[in-house]
Protein backbone atom coordinates (compact mmCIF):
# COMPACT_ATOMS: atom_id res chain seq x y z
CA ALA A 1 23.17 5.28 -31.57
CA VAL A 2 23.49 6.61 -28.01
CA ALA A 3 19.85 7.71 -27.56
CA PRO A 4 18.36 4.17 -27.72
CA LEU A 5 20.91 3.00 -25.15
CA ARG A 6 20.09 5.86 -22.80
CA LYS A 7 16.39 5.06 -23.14
CA LYS A 8 17.06 1.39 -22.34
CA ILE A 9 19.16 2.36 -19.29
CA LYS A 10 16.31 4.54 -17.97
CA GLU A 11 13.85 1.67 -18.50
CA LEU A 12 16.10 -0.77 -16.65
CA GLN A 13 16.65 1.70 -13.80
CA ALA A 14 12.89 2.18 -13.45
CA GLU A 15 12.35 -1.59 -13.47
CA LYS A 16 15.02 -2.09 -10.80
CA GLN A 17 13.44 0.61 -8.62
CA SER A 18 10.04 -1.03 -9.03
CA GLN A 19 11.48 -4.41 -8.01
CA SER A 20 13.19 -2.85 -4.97
CA THR A 21 9.92 -1.23 -3.90
CA LEU A 22 8.04 -4.52 -4.30
CA TYR A 23 10.73 -6.36 -2.30
CA GLY A 24 10.38 -3.81 0.48
CA LEU A 25 6.59 -4.14 0.58
CA ILE A 26 6.80 -7.93 0.75
CA SER A 27 9.56 -7.82 3.38
CA GLU A 28 7.44 -5.57 5.61
CA GLN A 29 4.73 -8.23 5.75
CA PHE A 30 7.08 -11.04 6.80
CA ALA A 31 9.65 -9.21 8.95
CA PRO A 32 7.82 -9.71 12.28
CA PHE A 33 7.95 -13.48 11.67
CA MET A 34 11.69 -13.63 11.05
CA LYS A 35 13.57 -15.44 13.81
CA TYR A 36 15.71 -12.40 14.60
CA TYR A 37 12.73 -10.03 14.99
CA PRO A 38 13.22 -8.94 18.63
CA PHE A 39 9.57 -9.11 19.75
CA ASN A 40 6.67 -11.55 19.80
CA PRO A 41 5.09 -11.34 16.31
CA GLU A 42 1.68 -12.16 17.77
CA ASN A 43 1.69 -8.72 19.38
CA PHE A 44 2.48 -6.87 16.13
CA ARG A 45 -0.27 -5.08 14.22
CA PHE A 46 0.42 -4.09 10.65
CA ILE A 47 -0.71 -0.58 9.64
CA GLY A 48 1.14 -0.13 6.36
CA THR A 49 1.34 3.62 6.10
CA PRO A 50 2.76 6.00 7.21
CA ILE A 51 4.52 3.49 9.49
CA ASP A 52 4.58 -0.27 9.11
CA GLY A 53 3.06 -1.24 12.41
CA ILE A 54 2.73 -1.16 16.15
CA GLN A 55 4.21 -3.66 18.58
CA PHE A 56 2.20 -4.08 21.79
CA GLU A 57 4.36 -5.21 24.69
CA LYS A 58 3.27 -5.61 28.33
CA ASP A 59 5.12 -2.50 29.47
CA LYS A 60 5.20 -0.34 26.32
CA VAL A 61 3.87 0.32 22.84
CA ILE A 62 6.46 0.43 20.06
CA PHE A 63 6.02 2.10 16.69
CA VAL A 64 7.80 -0.07 14.12
CA GLU A 65 9.16 0.88 10.71
CA ILE A 66 10.76 -1.96 8.75
CA LYS A 67 13.41 -1.07 6.20
CA ALA A 68 15.15 -3.34 3.70
CA HIS A 69 18.74 -2.78 2.63
CA LYS A 70 19.59 0.89 2.13
CA SER A 71 16.09 2.34 2.24
CA ARG A 72 15.59 5.35 4.51
CA LEU A 73 12.81 6.96 6.46
CA THR A 74 10.60 9.28 4.46
CA PRO A 75 10.23 12.89 5.64
CA LEU A 76 6.83 11.99 7.13
CA GLN A 77 8.28 8.96 8.95
CA ASN A 78 11.08 11.13 10.33
CA HIS A 79 8.49 13.64 11.52
CA ILE A 80 6.50 10.89 13.26
CA LYS A 81 9.69 9.54 14.85
CA ASN A 82 10.48 13.02 16.21
CA LEU A 83 6.93 13.45 17.55
CA ILE A 84 7.27 10.16 19.42
CA LYS A 85 10.73 11.00 20.77
CA ASN A 86 9.41 14.39 21.95
CA LYS A 87 6.50 12.63 23.71
CA LYS A 88 3.88 14.24 21.48
CA VAL A 89 1.74 11.11 21.67
CA GLU A 90 -1.76 11.06 23.11
CA TRP A 91 -4.59 8.67 23.84
CA PHE A 92 -7.95 9.62 22.35
CA GLU A 93 -11.13 7.70 22.96
CA PHE A 94 -13.97 8.45 20.55
CA LYS A 95 -17.43 7.44 21.72
CA ILE A 96 -20.17 6.93 19.20
CA THR A 97 -23.48 8.29 20.40
CA LYS A 98 -26.94 8.33 18.90
């Protein structure tokens, strides 16, 4: 009698996780247009992965990761954040030649 209930609980937990993930993905798309987003949304470019986007301001470039509720940075996002904080960011211009 307990096994079917445990199976149902696992199914519901998986469904809830899936809904939370979907909510996060949708929120990422709209967050720059929310009235309390601190920058001009016209200057935001969505990337998607491994970070959500880049905000281009007149005096700086900002890497943006949007999180909903209790979600946290992934290990890769934390690594990227540390690279940026440690000024391990470069400009690279690639020229296409014949």
